[in-house]
Each structure stands twice: as C-alpha cells, then as structure tokens.
Amino acid sequence: MRLWNRLQLLFSYVLRSKSVPGLPVEYIVETTAKCNLYCPMCPRETHPQPKEDMTDSVFERMVQASASTAEHMMLIGLGEPFLDPKIFDRIEYCDQHGISTLLSTNGVLLEGDNAELLLRSKLAHITLSFDGYKKETFEHYRKGAKFERVRDNFVRFAKRKHELGSKLQIVVQMVRLPGNGSEVEDFRRFWATVPGVDQIRVKQDETNLLQPEGKNGARGGRPCHYLWRGPYYVKHDGRVYPCCQSYMLDGEPIGNLTEQSLVQISNSPAMQQLRATHARGEAASVDMCARCCTSIPHPLLVVGSLLLHGKWVRRLLPMIERLTS
C-alpha cells in the first residue's frame, strides 16, 4: 500500500495534478507546544504558543488515518518533545502502526531516564540541536540552556547509543546563523570524534527571523513538492497546514483533524487551489510562498524523495545538502 501511495504521489506531482489520490508520506506532528528555552531565531518569538499538549484523540486519529500511507512522522514542532509527558507512548503507537519516528531536541532534558528510555524505544532518528561550537555563541542562541550541560548530555547519549549497538540514527545539527558561521569547521571536527554520532548537519536558517533579507521564495517557477508528498504540519490542536513554513508565514490552515478526515483535508478546495497555483508557475503570487525561505530542490531530487522510504530520505538529507550547498 505504501509503495502504491508513493507512486500515486509521484505521478500526481509529475502531472501537476491539483487533486491527489494518495496521502503524504511524512508529517510534522507537534505533540506539544511547550518549550523550556528562548531562542531568538525561533518562530515562537513571533507566534506565542500555549502551554498545551496534543490530545490522545487528535494524535490517534492522525496516526490511524495515515497508517497505510505514512512512512515517517516527525514528532516535533514549536515545542520541546521531552516536555510532552506521553512522548514515549506516542513513539510506540506510531511503531505499532508501522510508522517510523523522528525527534529533534534542545538537549536540556536528554539525560537520566529520558535518555535510557529513548535509546530502548523504537525511535528511528533523532536530531540534536547545538547551534554553536563556543560557549558564548551557543548560549546566545539557546537562551536558558547551559553549554556544558547540553554538550555533555549529547556526548553521553551518543556514546551510550554506541555501547548498546542501537540502530538509532543520531544527527548533530547546527543552524547557520549570523554569529556562528566562523565556528562551522570546529563544530564538525568536534562532533566527528564522538562515537555514536552518525551525521553532522549544518542547516541553513529556514525562518530568517534574524536575517530577513535572506528570503528566496519559490525560485525557478518549480512547484513546491511539499504540496504533494508532504510533510504536512499538524499543530497540537489539530489544525493542519501544507507545511511548517505556511504556519510561520501566517498562512491559513487547510483543515482541522477534529472536524475533517485527512483525505478531505488533503484535497480540500484550499489545497487544490494552492497546488494549481504552483503548477502554473505562479507560486510567487501566494504571499506565504513568495516569502518562504526553503529552497525548492531539483526535480530529480524530488522524484528520488518519492521513490525512497521517508526514513532514508531523512538519512540522506545532510549529505545532499552538503553536496548542493
């Protein structure tokens, strides 16, 4: 079923169909809107969030509706996953439905039982966010976190993963920002020496809150593949957006899981209109798309992302970014 779904998405994308018979292969699911840090580049600074978690009914509806088509679920959003008291239950629930999972953490709470439980869970991929090689840089961008505590948590976690022989994929990630560009090579060298770290990713800032002139919009007239393959962005309250950028750029939701089915949302009038606009090469006429800072990859890379399992796409992403940067 998942292979057939991928092929339907591929043909729909190639043909630029506004109505899609399949469902996205991956989703960003915000299981909590709570966070324990203040980061100046985070969209939370322009979009204040309530201290709420996703309800069981919304989460279970999401997983059940996508169980035969979804391959990968990123249990992230504008909150810190370890502030969700049910995060381990959610990882297990996804696994029971054949869906692999990813987390991204700021690392403050990745210690003790949290670390051990995570390493023994069914989690497939974790991104460890660490935006600086130097203490002063890191603490400037991760306000409220202590450099030594987070670094030691990450190193200890990776080494423990190595000792256990866990298959969990660990990516240490730095977002390239105005004040840390000179630290990239030192960052790479340090984390390359830590056993258990599988990949090191230096990611471009996709919010541009700190450098708004860096926006690139929908370049080249190519339609955004997110509208066909996902990931859709599911907020903790059930609202669904075409992507995470559409929420951050004040776009309207395309539906709500508390009121509609996932199939209805995926082919809602708003979503069909958005696909049709992109297919005509007029993405720049949509305000949120014109202001989007996510680069649209070469069509061959898009096709590849629809032929490969979502888990492998995530694993290959840092390497592809480095080759194409």
C-alpha atoms as a PDB file:
ATOM      1  CA  MET A   1       0.000   0.000   0.000  1.00  0.00           C
ATOM      2  CA  ARG A   2       2.791   2.454   0.871  1.00  0.00           C
ATOM      3  CA  LEU A   3       4.613   1.765  -2.408  1.00  0.00           C
ATOM      4  CA  TRP A   4       1.409   2.311  -4.367  1.00  0.00           C
ATOM      5  CA  ASN A   5       0.774   5.515  -2.431  1.00  0.00           C
ATOM      6  CA  ARG A   6       4.254   6.781  -3.290  1.00  0.00           C
ATOM      7  CA  LEU A   7       3.708   6.036  -6.977  1.00  0.00           C
ATOM      8  CA  GLN A   8       0.383   7.890  -6.941  1.00  0.00           C
ATOM      9  CA  LEU A   9       2.074  10.903  -5.382  1.00  0.00           C
ATOM     10  CA  LEU A  10       4.885  10.720  -7.930  1.00  0.00           C
ATOM     11  CA  PHE A  11       2.529  10.673 -10.915  1.00  0.00           C
ATOM     12  CA  SER A  12       0.401  13.434  -9.400  1.00  0.00           C
ATOM     13  CA  TYR A  13       3.485  15.607  -8.909  1.00  0.00           C
ATOM     14  CA  VAL A  14       4.848  14.940 -12.408  1.00  0.00           C
ATOM     15  CA  LEU A  15       1.443  15.659 -13.952  1.00  0.00           C
ATOM     16  CA  ARG A  16       0.950  18.687 -11.650  1.00  0.00           C
ATOM     17  CA  SER A  17      -2.466  17.373 -10.593  1.00  0.00           C
ATOM     18  CA  LYS A  18      -4.372  19.584  -8.190  1.00  0.00           C
ATOM     19  CA  SER A  19      -6.273  16.572  -6.832  1.00  0.00           C
ATOM     20  CA  VAL A  20      -4.099  13.828  -5.354  1.00  0.00           C
ATOM     21  CA  PRO A  21      -5.319  10.235  -4.846  1.00  0.00           C
ATOM     22  CA  GLY A  22      -2.636   9.413  -2.277  1.00  0.00           C
ATOM     23  CA  LEU A  23      -1.666  10.913   1.077  1.00  0.00           C
ATOM     24  CA  PRO A  24       1.678  12.397   2.184  1.00  0.00           C
ATOM     25  CA  VAL A  25       4.489  10.003   3.067  1.00  0.00           C
ATOM     26  CA  GLU A  26       5.535  12.054   6.083  1.00  0.00           C
ATOM     27  CA  TYR A  27       4.165  14.559   8.572  1.00  0.00           C
ATOM     28  CA  ILE A  28       5.395  17.019  11.158  1.00  0.00           C
ATOM     29  CA  VAL A  29       3.238  16.378  14.212  1.00  0.00           C
ATOM     30  CA  GLU A  30       3.514  18.849  17.071  1.00  0.00           C
ATOM     31  CA  THR A  31       2.709  16.750  20.138  1.00  0.00           C
ATOM     32  CA  THR A  32       3.400  19.678  22.480  1.00  0.00           C
ATOM     33  CA  ALA A  33       3.528  23.451  22.159  1.00  0.00           C
ATOM     34  CA  LYS A  34       5.557  23.832  25.370  1.00  0.00           C
ATOM     35  CA  CYS A  35       9.225  24.785  25.376  1.00  0.00           C
ATOM     36  CA  ASN A  36      11.876  25.413  28.036  1.00  0.00           C
ATOM     37  CA  LEU A  37      14.185  27.777  26.103  1.00  0.00           C
ATOM     38  CA  TYR A  38      14.096  31.170  24.454  1.00  0.00           C
ATOM     39  CA  CYS A  39      15.819  31.162  21.052  1.00  0.00           C
ATOM     40  CA  PRO A  40      15.826  34.430  19.055  1.00  0.00           C
ATOM     41  CA  MET A  41      15.653  32.615  15.690  1.00  0.00           C
ATOM     42  CA  CYS A  42      12.636  30.502  16.703  1.00  0.00           C
ATOM     43  CA  PRO A  43       9.163  31.274  15.290  1.00  0.00           C
ATOM     44  CA  ARG A  44       7.836  31.094  18.856  1.00  0.00           C
ATOM     45  CA  GLU A  45       9.091  34.652  19.198  1.00  0.00           C
ATOM     46  CA  THR A  46       6.603  35.873  16.581  1.00  0.00           C
ATOM     47  CA  HIS A  47       3.956  33.202  17.230  1.00  0.00           C
ATOM     48  CA  PRO A  48       3.448  32.809  21.006  1.00  0.00           C
ATOM     49  CA  GLN A  49       2.352  29.292  21.934  1.00  0.00           C
ATOM     50  CA  PRO A  50       0.043  28.000  24.678  1.00  0.00           C
ATOM     51  CA  LYS A  51       1.365  25.550  27.250  1.00  0.00           C
ATOM     52  CA  GLU A  52      -0.630  22.663  25.800  1.00  0.00           C
ATOM     53  CA  ASP A  53      -0.090  19.123  24.542  1.00  0.00           C
ATOM     54  CA  MET A  54      -1.832  17.322  21.705  1.00  0.00           C
ATOM     55  CA  THR A  55      -4.734  15.252  22.977  1.00  0.00           C
ATOM     56  CA  ASP A  56      -4.744  11.474  22.602  1.00  0.00           C
ATOM     57  CA  SER A  57      -7.799  11.643  20.348  1.00  0.00           C
ATOM     58  CA  VAL A  58      -6.143  14.013  17.852  1.00  0.00           C
ATOM     59  CA  PHE A  59      -2.873  12.080  17.833  1.00  0.00           C
ATOM     60  CA  GLU A  60      -4.518   8.689  17.455  1.00  0.00           C
ATOM     61  CA  ARG A  61      -6.798   9.970  14.715  1.00  0.00           C
ATOM     62  CA  MET A  62      -3.787  11.321  12.867  1.00  0.00           C
ATOM     63  CA  VAL A  63      -1.858   8.042  13.089  1.00  0.00           C
ATOM     64  CA  GLN A  64      -4.815   5.810  12.281  1.00  0.00           C
ATOM     65  CA  ALA A  65      -5.825   7.918   9.270  1.00  0.00           C
ATOM     66  CA  SER A  66      -2.332   7.756   7.794  1.00  0.00           C
ATOM     67  CA  ALA A  67      -1.307   4.263   8.909  1.00  0.00           C
ATOM     68  CA  SER A  68      -1.492   2.665   5.452  1.00  0.00           C
ATOM     69  CA  THR A  69       0.318   5.503   3.654  1.00  0.00           C
ATOM     70  CA  ALA A  70       2.587   7.403   6.071  1.00  0.00           C
ATOM     71  CA  GLU A  71       6.152   6.163   6.396  1.00  0.00           C
ATOM     72  CA  HIS A  72       7.708   8.720   8.675  1.00  0.00           C
ATOM     73  CA  MET A  73       6.414  11.028  11.385  1.00  0.00           C
ATOM     74  CA  MET A  74       8.471  13.863  12.838  1.00  0.00           C
ATOM     75  CA  LEU A  75       7.163  14.371  16.376  1.00  0.00           C
ATOM     76  CA  ILE A  76       8.363  17.949  16.511  1.00  0.00           C
ATOM     77  CA  GLY A  77       7.024  21.470  16.053  1.00  0.00           C
ATOM     78  CA  LEU A  78       7.348  24.613  18.137  1.00  0.00           C
ATOM     79  CA  GLY A  79       7.711  22.671  21.379  1.00  0.00           C
ATOM     80  CA  GLU A  80      10.362  20.559  23.101  1.00  0.00           C
ATOM     81  CA  PRO A  81       9.364  16.861  22.775  1.00  0.00           C
ATOM     82  CA  PHE A  82      10.564  15.926  26.267  1.00  0.00           C
ATOM     83  CA  LEU A  83       8.004  18.306  27.769  1.00  0.00           C
ATOM     84  CA  ASP A  84       5.310  16.040  26.322  1.00  0.00           C
ATOM     85  CA  PRO A  85       4.619  13.528  29.129  1.00  0.00           C
ATOM     86  CA  LYS A  86       3.367  10.982  26.573  1.00  0.00           C
ATOM     87  CA  ILE A  87       6.211  11.207  24.075  1.00  0.00           C
ATOM     88  CA  PHE A  88       7.377   7.612  24.619  1.00  0.00           C
ATOM     89  CA  ASP A  89       3.814   6.311  24.268  1.00  0.00           C
ATOM     90  CA  ARG A  90       3.471   8.222  21.003  1.00  0.00           C
ATOM     91  CA  ILE A  91       6.684   6.715  19.589  1.00  0.00           C
ATOM     92  CA  GLU A  92       5.378   3.259  20.487  1.00  0.00           C
ATOM     93  CA  TYR A  93       1.951   3.966  18.998  1.00  0.00           C
ATOM     94  CA  CYS A  94       3.489   5.005  15.686  1.00  0.00           C
ATOM     95  CA  ASP A  95       5.655   1.886  15.640  1.00  0.00           C
ATOM     96  CA  GLN A  96       2.592  -0.296  16.226  1.00  0.00           C
ATOM     97  CA  HIS A  97       1.155   1.212  13.044  1.00  0.00           C
ATOM     98  CA  GLY A  98       4.332   0.703  11.021  1.00  0.00           C
ATOM     99  CA  ILE A  99       5.391   4.365  11.030  1.00  0.00           C
ATOM    100  CA  SER A 100       8.977   5.324  11.853  1.00  0.00           C
ATOM    101  CA  THR A 101       9.561   8.386  14.023  1.00  0.00           C
ATOM    102  CA  LEU A 102      11.962  11.306  14.401  1.00  0.00           C
ATOM    103  CA  LEU A 103      12.562  13.701  17.275  1.00  0.00           C
ATOM    104  CA  SER A 104      14.521  16.931  17.493  1.00  0.00           C
ATOM    105  CA  THR A 105      15.598  18.119  20.936  1.00  0.00           C
ATOM    106  CA  ASN A 106      17.408  21.033  22.530  1.00  0.00           C
ATOM    107  CA  GLY A 107      19.045  18.501  24.857  1.00  0.00           C
ATOM    108  CA  VAL A 108      18.331  20.098  28.218  1.00  0.00           C
ATOM    109  CA  LEU A 109      16.235  17.096  29.304  1.00  0.00           C
ATOM    110  CA  LEU A 110      18.104  14.389  27.364  1.00  0.00           C
ATOM    111  CA  GLU A 111      19.567  12.761  30.461  1.00  0.00           C
ATOM    112  CA  GLY A 112      18.825  10.087  33.044  1.00  0.00           C
ATOM    113  CA  ASP A 113      15.699   8.036  32.397  1.00  0.00           C
ATOM    114  CA  ASN A 114      14.742  10.097  29.349  1.00  0.00           C
ATOM    115  CA  ALA A 115      17.966   9.167  27.575  1.00  0.00           C
ATOM    116  CA  GLU A 116      17.833   5.497  28.524  1.00  0.00           C
ATOM    117  CA  LEU A 117      14.166   5.095  27.615  1.00  0.00           C
ATOM    118  CA  LEU A 118      14.735   6.792  24.280  1.00  0.00           C
ATOM    119  CA  LEU A 119      17.632   4.501  23.383  1.00  0.00           C
ATOM    120  CA  ARG A 120      15.472   1.476  24.114  1.00  0.00           C
ATOM    121  CA  SER A 121      12.451   2.826  22.251  1.00  0.00           C
ATOM    122  CA  LYS A 122      11.517   2.328  18.587  1.00  0.00           C
ATOM    123  CA  LEU A 123      12.644   5.832  17.624  1.00  0.00           C
ATOM    124  CA  ALA A 124      14.443   5.747  14.257  1.00  0.00           C
ATOM    125  CA  HIS A 125      16.097   9.166  14.093  1.00  0.00           C
ATOM    126  CA  ILE A 126      16.980  11.999  16.462  1.00  0.00           C
ATOM    127  CA  THR A 127      18.344  15.451  15.728  1.00  0.00           C
ATOM    128  CA  LEU A 128      20.446  17.004  18.488  1.00  0.00           C
ATOM    129  CA  SER A 129      20.297  20.793  18.089  1.00  0.00           C
ATOM    130  CA  PHE A 130      23.528  22.554  19.007  1.00  0.00           C
ATOM    131  CA  ASP A 131      23.923  25.988  17.441  1.00  0.00           C
ATOM    132  CA  GLY A 132      27.484  26.890  18.281  1.00  0.00           C
ATOM    133  CA  TYR A 133      30.933  25.496  18.935  1.00  0.00           C
ATOM    134  CA  LYS A 134      31.780  28.131  21.564  1.00  0.00           C
ATOM    135  CA  LYS A 135      30.001  28.548  24.884  1.00  0.00           C
ATOM    136  CA  GLU A 136      29.153  32.208  24.345  1.00  0.00           C
ATOM    137  CA  THR A 137      27.737  31.542  20.876  1.00  0.00           C
ATOM    138  CA  PHE A 138      25.657  28.580  21.973  1.00  0.00           C
ATOM    139  CA  GLU A 139      24.195  30.375  24.994  1.00  0.00           C
ATOM    140  CA  HIS A 140      23.421  33.446  22.883  1.00  0.00           C
ATOM    141  CA  TYR A 141      21.214  31.412  20.541  1.00  0.00           C
ATOM    142  CA  ARG A 142      19.920  28.883  23.094  1.00  0.00           C
ATOM    143  CA  LYS A 143      18.917  31.205  25.907  1.00  0.00           C
ATOM    144  CA  GLY A 144      18.156  29.328  29.096  1.00  0.00           C
ATOM    145  CA  ALA A 145      20.426  26.379  28.273  1.00  0.00           C
ATOM    146  CA  LYS A 146      23.875  25.769  29.748  1.00  0.00           C
ATOM    147  CA  PHE A 147      26.547  24.922  27.188  1.00  0.00           C
ATOM    148  CA  GLU A 148      28.321  22.290  29.284  1.00  0.00           C
ATOM    149  CA  ARG A 149      25.120  20.523  30.350  1.00  0.00           C
ATOM    150  CA  VAL A 150      23.732  20.173  26.817  1.00  0.00           C
ATOM    151  CA  ARG A 151      27.085  19.242  25.280  1.00  0.00           C
ATOM    152  CA  ASP A 152      27.684  16.587  27.930  1.00  0.00           C
ATOM    153  CA  ASN A 153      24.127  15.263  27.558  1.00  0.00           C
ATOM    154  CA  PHE A 154      24.623  14.867  23.817  1.00  0.00           C
ATOM    155  CA  VAL A 155      28.072  13.266  24.119  1.00  0.00           C
ATOM    156  CA  ARG A 156      26.909  10.870  26.832  1.00  0.00           C
ATOM    157  CA  PHE A 157      23.786   9.957  24.840  1.00  0.00           C
ATOM    158  CA  ALA A 158      25.744   9.240  21.656  1.00  0.00           C
ATOM    159  CA  LYS A 159      28.354   7.159  23.497  1.00  0.00           C
ATOM    160  CA  ARG A 160      25.644   5.176  25.270  1.00  0.00           C
ATOM    161  CA  LYS A 161      23.960   4.516  21.926  1.00  0.00           C
ATOM    162  CA  HIS A 162      27.296   3.250  20.604  1.00  0.00           C
ATOM    163  CA  GLU A 163      27.749   0.965  23.627  1.00  0.00           C
ATOM    164  CA  LEU A 164      24.283  -0.536  23.220  1.00  0.00           C
ATOM    165  CA  GLY A 165      24.710  -1.065  19.490  1.00  0.00           C
ATOM    166  CA  SER A 166      21.455   0.822  18.946  1.00  0.00           C
ATOM    167  CA  LYS A 167      20.326   1.455  15.367  1.00  0.00           C
ATOM    168  CA  LEU A 168      19.017   4.898  16.286  1.00  0.00           C
ATOM    169  CA  GLN A 169      20.269   7.458  13.761  1.00  0.00           C
ATOM    170  CA  ILE A 170      21.858  10.431  15.554  1.00  0.00           C
ATOM    171  CA  VAL A 171      22.343  13.720  13.713  1.00  0.00           C
ATOM    172  CA  VAL A 172      24.005  16.656  15.475  1.00  0.00           C
ATOM    173  CA  GLN A 173      22.742  19.828  13.853  1.00  0.00           C
ATOM    174  CA  MET A 174      23.827  23.449  13.764  1.00  0.00           C
ATOM    175  CA  VAL A 175      21.631  26.094  12.164  1.00  0.00           C
ATOM    176  CA  ARG A 176      23.891  28.527  10.299  1.00  0.00           C
ATOM    177  CA  LEU A 177      23.206  31.964  11.805  1.00  0.00           C
ATOM    178  CA  PRO A 178      24.864  35.401  11.589  1.00  0.00           C
ATOM    179  CA  GLY A 179      27.029  34.785  14.660  1.00  0.00           C
ATOM    180  CA  ASN A 180      28.197  31.178  14.249  1.00  0.00           C
ATOM    181  CA  GLY A 181      29.397  30.858  10.649  1.00  0.00           C
ATOM    182  CA  SER A 182      33.065  31.020  11.675  1.00  0.00           C
ATOM    183  CA  GLU A 183      32.590  28.032  14.011  1.00  0.00           C
ATOM    184  CA  VAL A 184      31.304  25.530  11.447  1.00  0.00           C
ATOM    185  CA  GLU A 185      34.549  23.671  10.849  1.00  0.00           C
ATOM    186  CA  ASP A 186      35.398  23.429  14.570  1.00  0.00           C
ATOM    187  CA  PHE A 187      31.842  22.203  15.137  1.00  0.00           C
ATOM    188  CA  ARG A 188      32.245  19.490  12.502  1.00  0.00           C
ATOM    189  CA  ARG A 189      35.641  18.396  13.824  1.00  0.00           C
ATOM    190  CA  PHE A 190      34.462  18.095  17.424  1.00  0.00           C
ATOM    191  CA  TRP A 191      31.322  16.050  16.753  1.00  0.00           C
ATOM    192  CA  ALA A 192      33.122  13.824  14.250  1.00  0.00           C
ATOM    193  CA  THR A 193      35.167  12.442  17.159  1.00  0.00           C
ATOM    194  CA  VAL A 194      32.143  11.421  19.262  1.00  0.00           C
ATOM    195  CA  PRO A 195      31.255   7.706  18.989  1.00  0.00           C
ATOM    196  CA  GLY A 196      27.611   7.130  18.120  1.00  0.00           C
ATOM    197  CA  VAL A 197      27.122  10.296  16.068  1.00  0.00           C
ATOM    198  CA  ASP A 198      26.061   9.204  12.586  1.00  0.00           C
ATOM    199  CA  GLN A 199      25.872  12.538  10.794  1.00  0.00           C
ATOM    200  CA  ILE A 200      26.699  16.195  11.296  1.00  0.00           C
ATOM    201  CA  ARG A 201      24.357  18.659   9.661  1.00  0.00           C
ATOM    202  CA  VAL A 202      24.895  22.381   9.159  1.00  0.00           C
ATOM    203  CA  LYS A 203      21.490  23.652   8.147  1.00  0.00           C
ATOM    204  CA  GLN A 204      20.527  26.960   6.615  1.00  0.00           C
ATOM    205  CA  ASP A 205      18.212  29.125   8.709  1.00  0.00           C
ATOM    206  CA  GLU A 206      14.704  28.473   7.379  1.00  0.00           C
ATOM    207  CA  THR A 207      12.993  31.113   9.486  1.00  0.00           C
ATOM    208  CA  ASN A 208      15.110  34.153   8.574  1.00  0.00           C
ATOM    209  CA  LEU A 209      13.908  35.976  11.677  1.00  0.00           C
ATOM    210  CA  LEU A 210      17.482  37.149  12.231  1.00  0.00           C
ATOM    211  CA  GLN A 211      18.250  37.953   8.594  1.00  0.00           C
ATOM    212  CA  PRO A 212      15.007  38.741   6.738  1.00  0.00           C
ATOM    213  CA  GLU A 213      16.879  39.824   3.610  1.00  0.00           C
ATOM    214  CA  GLY A 214      17.838  36.174   3.111  1.00  0.00           C
ATOM    215  CA  LYS A 215      14.417  35.089   1.876  1.00  0.00           C
ATOM    216  CA  ASN A 216      14.498  33.390  -1.514  1.00  0.00           C
ATOM    217  CA  GLY A 217      10.881  32.457  -2.121  1.00  0.00           C
ATOM    218  CA  ALA A 218       9.657  29.973  -4.730  1.00  0.00           C
ATOM    219  CA  ARG A 219      12.545  30.092  -7.174  1.00  0.00           C
ATOM    220  CA  GLY A 220      12.664  28.949 -10.770  1.00  0.00           C
ATOM    221  CA  GLY A 221       8.915  28.592 -11.158  1.00  0.00           C
ATOM    222  CA  ARG A 222       9.041  24.992  -9.925  1.00  0.00           C
ATOM    223  CA  PRO A 223       6.098  23.849  -7.816  1.00  0.00           C
ATOM    224  CA  CYS A 224       6.807  23.026  -4.193  1.00  0.00           C
ATOM    225  CA  HIS A 225       6.889  19.248  -3.754  1.00  0.00           C
ATOM    226  CA  TYR A 226       5.637  19.547  -0.169  1.00  0.00           C
ATOM    227  CA  LEU A 227       2.159  20.118  -1.576  1.00  0.00           C
ATOM    228  CA  TRP A 228       2.193  16.593  -2.969  1.00  0.00           C
ATOM    229  CA  ARG A 229       4.494  14.442  -0.799  1.00  0.00           C
ATOM    230  CA  GLY A 230       4.390  16.338   2.488  1.00  0.00           C
ATOM    231  CA  PRO A 231       5.288  16.852   5.216  1.00  0.00           C
ATOM    232  CA  TYR A 232       2.063  18.488   6.259  1.00  0.00           C
ATOM    233  CA  TYR A 233       2.359  20.328   9.559  1.00  0.00           C
ATOM    234  CA  VAL A 234      -0.140  19.214  12.203  1.00  0.00           C
ATOM    235  CA  LYS A 235      -0.437  21.607  15.138  1.00  0.00           C
ATOM    236  CA  HIS A 236      -1.083  20.327  18.647  1.00  0.00           C
ATOM    237  CA  ASP A 237      -4.740  21.416  18.441  1.00  0.00           C
ATOM    238  CA  GLY A 238      -5.444  19.504  15.209  1.00  0.00           C
ATOM    239  CA  ARG A 239      -5.039  22.317  12.675  1.00  0.00           C
ATOM    240  CA  VAL A 240      -3.292  21.120   9.507  1.00  0.00           C
ATOM    241  CA  TYR A 241      -1.053  23.298   7.336  1.00  0.00           C
ATOM    242  CA  PRO A 242       0.527  22.448   3.949  1.00  0.00           C
ATOM    243  CA  CYS A 243       3.970  22.750   5.576  1.00  0.00           C
ATOM    244  CA  CYS A 244       5.590  24.255   8.664  1.00  0.00           C
ATOM    245  CA  GLN A 245       6.594  27.398   6.755  1.00  0.00           C
ATOM    246  CA  SER A 246       2.971  28.136   5.879  1.00  0.00           C
ATOM    247  CA  TYR A 247       2.149  28.378   9.582  1.00  0.00           C
ATOM    248  CA  MET A 248       5.193  30.515  10.369  1.00  0.00           C
ATOM    249  CA  LEU A 249       4.355  32.865   7.490  1.00  0.00           C
ATOM    250  CA  ASP A 250       0.759  33.319   8.665  1.00  0.00           C
ATOM    251  CA  GLY A 251      -0.890  31.126   6.052  1.00  0.00           C
ATOM    252  CA  GLU A 252      -4.318  29.655   6.686  1.00  0.00           C
ATOM    253  CA  PRO A 253      -4.782  26.024   7.749  1.00  0.00           C
ATOM    254  CA  ILE A 254      -6.137  23.669   5.109  1.00  0.00           C
ATOM    255  CA  GLY A 255      -8.268  21.841   7.647  1.00  0.00           C
ATOM    256  CA  ASN A 256      -8.594  20.512  11.165  1.00  0.00           C
ATOM    257  CA  LEU A 257      -8.406  16.880  12.239  1.00  0.00           C
ATOM    258  CA  THR A 258     -11.067  17.463  14.861  1.00  0.00           C
ATOM    259  CA  GLU A 259     -13.571  18.336  12.111  1.00  0.00           C
ATOM    260  CA  GLN A 260     -12.454  16.600   8.888  1.00  0.00           C
ATOM    261  CA  SER A 261     -10.794  13.425   7.696  1.00  0.00           C
ATOM    262  CA  LEU A 262      -7.207  13.500   6.455  1.00  0.00           C
ATOM    263  CA  VAL A 263      -8.403  12.647   2.932  1.00  0.00           C
ATOM    264  CA  GLN A 264     -10.804  15.602   2.969  1.00  0.00           C
ATOM    265  CA  ILE A 265      -8.066  17.916   4.208  1.00  0.00           C
ATOM    266  CA  SER A 266      -5.538  16.741   1.629  1.00  0.00           C
ATOM    267  CA  ASN A 267      -7.903  17.522  -1.246  1.00  0.00           C
ATOM    268  CA  SER A 268      -9.681  20.479   0.298  1.00  0.00           C
ATOM    269  CA  PRO A 269     -10.515  23.404  -2.026  1.00  0.00           C
ATOM    270  CA  ALA A 270      -7.723  25.445  -0.431  1.00  0.00           C
ATOM    271  CA  MET A 271      -5.154  22.711  -1.042  1.00  0.00           C
ATOM    272  CA  GLN A 272      -6.260  22.106  -4.620  1.00  0.00           C
ATOM    273  CA  GLN A 273      -6.084  25.814  -5.359  1.00  0.00           C
ATOM    274  CA  LEU A 274      -2.585  26.006  -3.871  1.00  0.00           C
ATOM    275  CA  ARG A 275      -1.359  23.068  -5.997  1.00  0.00           C
ATOM    276  CA  ALA A 276      -2.928  24.566  -9.137  1.00  0.00           C
ATOM    277  CA  THR A 277      -1.254  27.925  -8.489  1.00  0.00           C
ATOM    278  CA  HIS A 278       2.143  26.261  -8.095  1.00  0.00           C
ATOM    279  CA  ALA A 279       1.553  24.097 -11.177  1.00  0.00           C
ATOM    280  CA  ARG A 280       1.004  27.251 -13.250  1.00  0.00           C
ATOM    281  CA  GLY A 281       4.335  28.628 -12.050  1.00  0.00           C
ATOM    282  CA  GLU A 282       2.601  31.356 -10.056  1.00  0.00           C
ATOM    283  CA  ALA A 283       3.745  30.418  -6.544  1.00  0.00           C
ATOM    284  CA  ALA A 284       5.091  33.935  -6.020  1.00  0.00           C
ATOM    285  CA  SER A 285       1.519  35.221  -6.156  1.00  0.00           C
ATOM    286  CA  VAL A 286       0.833  33.446  -2.849  1.00  0.00           C
ATOM    287  CA  ASP A 287       2.155  35.646  -0.052  1.00  0.00           C
ATOM    288  CA  MET A 288       3.431  32.852   2.199  1.00  0.00           C
ATOM    289  CA  CYS A 289       5.135  31.112  -0.746  1.00  0.00           C
ATOM    290  CA  ALA A 290       6.699  34.332  -2.006  1.00  0.00           C
ATOM    291  CA  ARG A 291       8.215  34.895   1.451  1.00  0.00           C
ATOM    292  CA  CYS A 292       9.237  31.271   2.032  1.00  0.00           C
ATOM    293  CA  CYS A 293      12.961  30.747   2.569  1.00  0.00           C
ATOM    294  CA  THR A 294      13.010  26.988   1.891  1.00  0.00           C
ATOM    295  CA  SER A 295      14.812  26.154  -1.337  1.00  0.00           C
ATOM    296  CA  ILE A 296      12.968  24.016  -3.860  1.00  0.00           C
ATOM    297  CA  PRO A 297      15.245  21.129  -4.874  1.00  0.00           C
ATOM    298  CA  HIS A 298      15.974  19.928  -8.388  1.00  0.00           C
ATOM    299  CA  PRO A 299      13.077  17.858  -9.832  1.00  0.00           C
ATOM    300  CA  LEU A 300      15.276  14.741  -9.863  1.00  0.00           C
ATOM    301  CA  LEU A 301      15.780  15.052  -6.110  1.00  0.00           C
ATOM    302  CA  VAL A 302      12.027  15.415  -5.672  1.00  0.00           C
ATOM    303  CA  VAL A 303      11.437  12.262  -7.702  1.00  0.00           C
ATOM    304  CA  GLY A 304      14.047  10.486  -5.576  1.00  0.00           C
ATOM    305  CA  SER A 305      12.258  11.583  -2.406  1.00  0.00           C
ATOM    306  CA  LEU A 306       9.107   9.926  -3.733  1.00  0.00           C
ATOM    307  CA  LEU A 307      10.832   6.702  -4.700  1.00  0.00           C
ATOM    308  CA  LEU A 308      12.655   6.201  -1.397  1.00  0.00           C
ATOM    309  CA  HIS A 309      11.180   5.460   2.018  1.00  0.00           C
ATOM    310  CA  GLY A 310      10.813   8.630   4.100  1.00  0.00           C
ATOM    311  CA  LYS A 311      13.270   7.307   6.704  1.00  0.00           C
ATOM    312  CA  TRP A 312      16.023   7.019   4.088  1.00  0.00           C
ATOM    313  CA  VAL A 313      15.247  10.448   2.699  1.00  0.00           C
ATOM    314  CA  ARG A 314      15.922  11.872   6.169  1.00  0.00           C
ATOM    315  CA  ARG A 315      19.188   9.954   6.424  1.00  0.00           C
ATOM    316  CA  LEU A 316      20.415  11.170   3.047  1.00  0.00           C
ATOM    317  CA  LEU A 317      19.354  14.789   3.562  1.00  0.00           C
ATOM    318  CA  PRO A 318      22.521  16.104   5.321  1.00  0.00           C
ATOM    319  CA  MET A 319      24.760  14.591   2.635  1.00  0.00           C
ATOM    320  CA  ILE A 320      22.638  16.004  -0.201  1.00  0.00           C
ATOM    321  CA  GLU A 321      22.621  19.452   1.418  1.00  0.00           C
ATOM    322  CA  ARG A 322      26.390  19.426   1.722  1.00  0.00           C
ATOM    323  CA  LEU A 323      26.868  18.380  -1.909  1.00  0.00           C
ATOM    324  CA  THR A 324      24.472  21.008  -3.249  1.00  0.00           C
ATOM    325  CA  SER A 325      25.425  23.922  -0.968  1.00  0.00           C
END
